Amino acid sequence: MSKLSFVSFCVEYYAEHTNQSSEKVYELFKKEKVLDMLRDDYDDLHGMSMEYMMQLIDQYLGVESKC
């Protein structure tokens, strides 16, 4: 999976996880530097489960995880 595909997948999955639009999640990720974290740490993150990824992003954003 390419970095772009991975980031897109995370945005879409997090949108579903939080019941928000993907556009809103993309803007949030951009503002809070989640996009940078996902790209920079791609090698370590792309093999993780999506449940783990959602918890990681929730923690990064400082919100209570729904997982």
C-alpha atoms as a PDB file:
ATOM      1  CA  MET A   1       0.000   0.000   0.000  1.00  0.00           C
ATOM      2  CA  SER A   2       1.363   3.424  -0.892  1.00  0.00           C
ATOM      3  CA  LYS A   3       1.627   6.212   1.680  1.00  0.00           C
ATOM      4  CA  LEU A   4      -1.118   8.149  -0.099  1.00  0.00           C
ATOM      5  CA  SER A   5      -3.453   5.140  -0.057  1.00  0.00           C
ATOM      6  CA  PHE A   6      -2.670   4.527   3.610  1.00  0.00           C
ATOM      7  CA  VAL A   7      -3.381   8.132   4.605  1.00  0.00           C
ATOM      8  CA  SER A   8      -6.608   8.153   2.567  1.00  0.00           C
ATOM      9  CA  PHE A   9      -7.701   4.889   4.154  1.00  0.00           C
ATOM     10  CA  CYS A  10      -7.015   6.267   7.646  1.00  0.00           C
ATOM     11  CA  VAL A  11      -9.016   9.427   6.922  1.00  0.00           C
ATOM     12  CA  GLU A  12     -11.978   7.408   5.634  1.00  0.00           C
ATOM     13  CA  TYR A  13     -11.821   4.907   8.479  1.00  0.00           C
ATOM     14  CA  TYR A  14     -11.532   7.651  11.115  1.00  0.00           C
ATOM     15  CA  ALA A  15     -14.488   9.469   9.553  1.00  0.00           C
ATOM     16  CA  GLU A  16     -16.551   6.325   9.998  1.00  0.00           C
ATOM     17  CA  HIS A  17     -15.110   5.803  13.504  1.00  0.00           C
ATOM     18  CA  THR A  18     -16.228   9.288  14.576  1.00  0.00           C
ATOM     19  CA  ASN A  19     -19.370   9.644  12.443  1.00  0.00           C
ATOM     20  CA  GLN A  20     -17.939  12.680  10.659  1.00  0.00           C
ATOM     21  CA  SER A  21     -17.460  13.501   7.001  1.00  0.00           C
ATOM     22  CA  SER A  22     -14.140  12.580   5.453  1.00  0.00           C
ATOM     23  CA  GLU A  23     -13.689  16.239   4.468  1.00  0.00           C
ATOM     24  CA  LYS A  24     -14.006  17.334   8.102  1.00  0.00           C
ATOM     25  CA  VAL A  25     -11.610  14.607   9.260  1.00  0.00           C
ATOM     26  CA  TYR A  26      -9.091  15.545   6.563  1.00  0.00           C
ATOM     27  CA  GLU A  27      -9.130  19.173   7.711  1.00  0.00           C
ATOM     28  CA  LEU A  28      -8.763  18.072  11.351  1.00  0.00           C
ATOM     29  CA  PHE A  29      -5.859  15.766  10.467  1.00  0.00           C
ATOM     30  CA  LYS A  30      -4.216  18.556   8.493  1.00  0.00           C
ATOM     31  CA  LYS A  31      -4.648  21.118  11.278  1.00  0.00           C
ATOM     32  CA  GLU A  32      -3.449  18.770  14.033  1.00  0.00           C
ATOM     33  CA  LYS A  33      -0.549  17.348  11.981  1.00  0.00           C
ATOM     34  CA  VAL A  34      -1.993  13.810  11.963  1.00  0.00           C
ATOM     35  CA  LEU A  35      -1.349  13.655   8.206  1.00  0.00           C
ATOM     36  CA  ASP A  36       2.340  14.336   8.842  1.00  0.00           C
ATOM     37  CA  MET A  37       2.477  11.686  11.566  1.00  0.00           C
ATOM     38  CA  LEU A  38       0.823   9.096   9.304  1.00  0.00           C
ATOM     39  CA  ARG A  39       3.238   9.841   6.438  1.00  0.00           C
ATOM     40  CA  ASP A  40       6.356  10.104   8.619  1.00  0.00           C
ATOM     41  CA  ASP A  41       5.619   6.904  10.560  1.00  0.00           C
ATOM     42  CA  TYR A  42       4.178   4.958   7.631  1.00  0.00           C
ATOM     43  CA  ASP A  43       6.761   2.173   7.842  1.00  0.00           C
ATOM     44  CA  ASP A  44       5.812   1.458  11.467  1.00  0.00           C
ATOM     45  CA  LEU A  45       2.064   2.048  11.185  1.00  0.00           C
ATOM     46  CA  HIS A  46       0.854   0.491   7.937  1.00  0.00           C
ATOM     47  CA  GLY A  47       0.903  -3.036   9.364  1.00  0.00           C
ATOM     48  CA  MET A  48      -1.123  -2.170  12.453  1.00  0.00           C
ATOM     49  CA  SER A  49      -4.766  -3.109  12.900  1.00  0.00           C
ATOM     50  CA  MET A  50      -7.289  -0.375  12.219  1.00  0.00           C
ATOM     51  CA  GLU A  51      -8.586  -0.657  15.784  1.00  0.00           C
ATOM     52  CA  TYR A  52      -5.082   0.139  17.030  1.00  0.00           C
ATOM     53  CA  MET A  53      -4.799   2.983  14.507  1.00  0.00           C
ATOM     54  CA  MET A  54      -8.077   4.533  15.687  1.00  0.00           C
ATOM     55  CA  GLN A  55      -6.913   4.352  19.306  1.00  0.00           C
ATOM     56  CA  LEU A  56      -3.553   5.864  18.359  1.00  0.00           C
ATOM     57  CA  ILE A  57      -5.177   8.748  16.479  1.00  0.00           C
ATOM     58  CA  ASP A  58      -7.670   9.340  19.295  1.00  0.00           C
ATOM     59  CA  GLN A  59      -4.771   9.457  21.742  1.00  0.00           C
ATOM     60  CA  TYR A  60      -2.761  11.753  19.457  1.00  0.00           C
ATOM     61  CA  LEU A  61      -5.745  14.115  19.242  1.00  0.00           C
ATOM     62  CA  GLY A  62      -6.412  13.882  22.976  1.00  0.00           C
ATOM     63  CA  VAL A  63      -9.907  12.445  22.678  1.00  0.00           C
ATOM     64  CA  GLU A  64     -11.419   9.462  24.440  1.00  0.00           C
ATOM     65  CA  SER A  65     -11.273   6.406  22.216  1.00  0.00           C
ATOM     66  CA  LYS A  66     -14.503   4.759  21.102  1.00  0.00           C
ATOM     67  CA  CYS A  67     -12.782   1.389  20.529  1.00  0.00           C
END
